């Protein structure tokens, strides 16, 4: 299922965030930076106050959608045995 995500200067549609791989709670997507700063950062964080698993991806490029998609792909990847 696709979800709409917002960056500072753009919107994009991509895969929905999976639940936290550690506790199963939902996760929130945060975006920081813009085309005028040198650092663009995307953070995905578990909303369970006892877990707070977090990933942070950052880039120096001005491509907000690219860093957002990379972060979502990392969060949604699961190791299977």
Protein backbone atom coordinates (compact mmCIF):
# COMPACT_ATOMS: atom_id res chain seq x y z
CA UNK A 1 0.00 0.00 0.00
CA UNK A 2 1.25 3.49 -0.85
CA UNK A 3 1.34 6.45 1.54
CA UNK A 4 1.95 10.15 0.91
CA UNK A 5 5.02 11.60 2.66
CA UNK A 6 5.96 15.25 3.02
CA UNK A 7 9.38 16.80 2.89
CA UNK A 8 10.01 20.51 3.37
CA UNK A 9 9.63 21.48 -0.28
CA UNK A 10 8.01 18.44 -1.88
CA UNK A 11 5.65 15.51 -1.46
CA UNK A 12 6.07 11.96 -2.69
CA UNK A 13 4.15 8.72 -2.57
CA UNK A 14 5.85 5.49 -1.53
CA UNK A 15 5.40 2.25 0.41
CA UNK A 16 3.72 2.39 3.80
CA UNK A 17 5.97 2.09 6.86
CA UNK A 18 5.97 -1.34 8.48
CA UNK A 19 5.59 -1.64 12.26
CA UNK A 20 8.68 -1.53 14.45
CA UNK A 21 10.72 -4.73 14.01
CA UNK A 22 11.43 -4.89 17.75
CA UNK A 23 8.12 -4.14 19.49
CA UNK A 24 5.52 -4.05 16.69
CA UNK A 25 4.26 -0.48 17.32
CA UNK A 26 3.74 2.04 14.55
CA UNK A 27 6.53 4.31 13.36
CA UNK A 28 6.61 8.02 12.53
CA UNK A 29 8.42 9.74 9.65
CA UNK A 30 10.26 13.03 10.27
CA UNK A 31 12.05 15.24 7.76
CA UNK A 32 14.54 18.02 8.53
CA UNK A 33 16.43 20.35 6.23
CA UNK A 34 15.67 22.13 3.00
CA UNK A 35 17.26 23.21 -0.25
CA UNK A 36 19.08 26.08 1.47
CA UNK A 37 20.85 23.99 4.11
CA UNK A 38 23.73 21.67 3.36
CA UNK A 39 22.27 18.73 5.29
CA UNK A 40 18.99 16.96 4.56
CA UNK A 41 17.91 14.38 7.13
CA UNK A 42 15.13 11.81 7.29
CA UNK A 43 14.32 10.06 10.58
CA UNK A 44 11.97 7.13 11.18
CA UNK A 45 11.19 6.46 14.83
CA UNK A 46 9.09 3.92 16.74
CA UNK A 47 6.30 5.67 18.66
CA UNK A 48 6.48 3.29 21.65
CA UNK A 49 7.99 5.32 24.53
CA UNK A 50 9.79 2.23 25.86
CA UNK A 51 11.33 1.18 22.52
CA UNK A 52 12.10 4.31 20.44
CA UNK A 53 13.99 2.37 17.76
CA UNK A 54 15.24 4.97 15.28
CA UNK A 55 17.04 5.20 11.97
CA UNK A 56 18.48 8.41 10.59
CA UNK A 57 19.56 8.91 6.99
CA UNK A 58 21.22 12.10 5.81
CA UNK A 59 22.63 13.51 2.62
CA UNK A 60 24.20 16.67 1.32
CA UNK A 61 22.25 16.53 -1.91
CA UNK A 62 19.07 18.48 -2.56
CA UNK A 63 17.03 15.42 -3.45
CA UNK A 64 14.49 15.13 -0.61
CA UNK A 65 12.50 12.33 -2.23
CA UNK A 66 15.60 10.17 -2.70
CA UNK A 67 16.64 10.29 0.99
CA UNK A 68 13.04 9.66 2.06
CA UNK A 69 12.74 6.57 -0.14
CA UNK A 70 16.11 5.24 1.07
CA UNK A 71 15.04 5.66 4.70
CA UNK A 72 11.71 3.91 4.15
CA UNK A 73 13.43 1.02 2.35
CA UNK A 74 15.90 0.61 5.23
CA UNK A 75 13.14 0.70 7.87
CA UNK A 76 10.94 -1.75 5.96
CA UNK A 77 13.72 -4.27 5.29
CA UNK A 78 13.52 -7.33 7.50
CA UNK A 79 16.03 -10.13 7.90
CA UNK A 80 14.50 -13.54 7.30
CA UNK A 81 16.09 -16.84 8.19
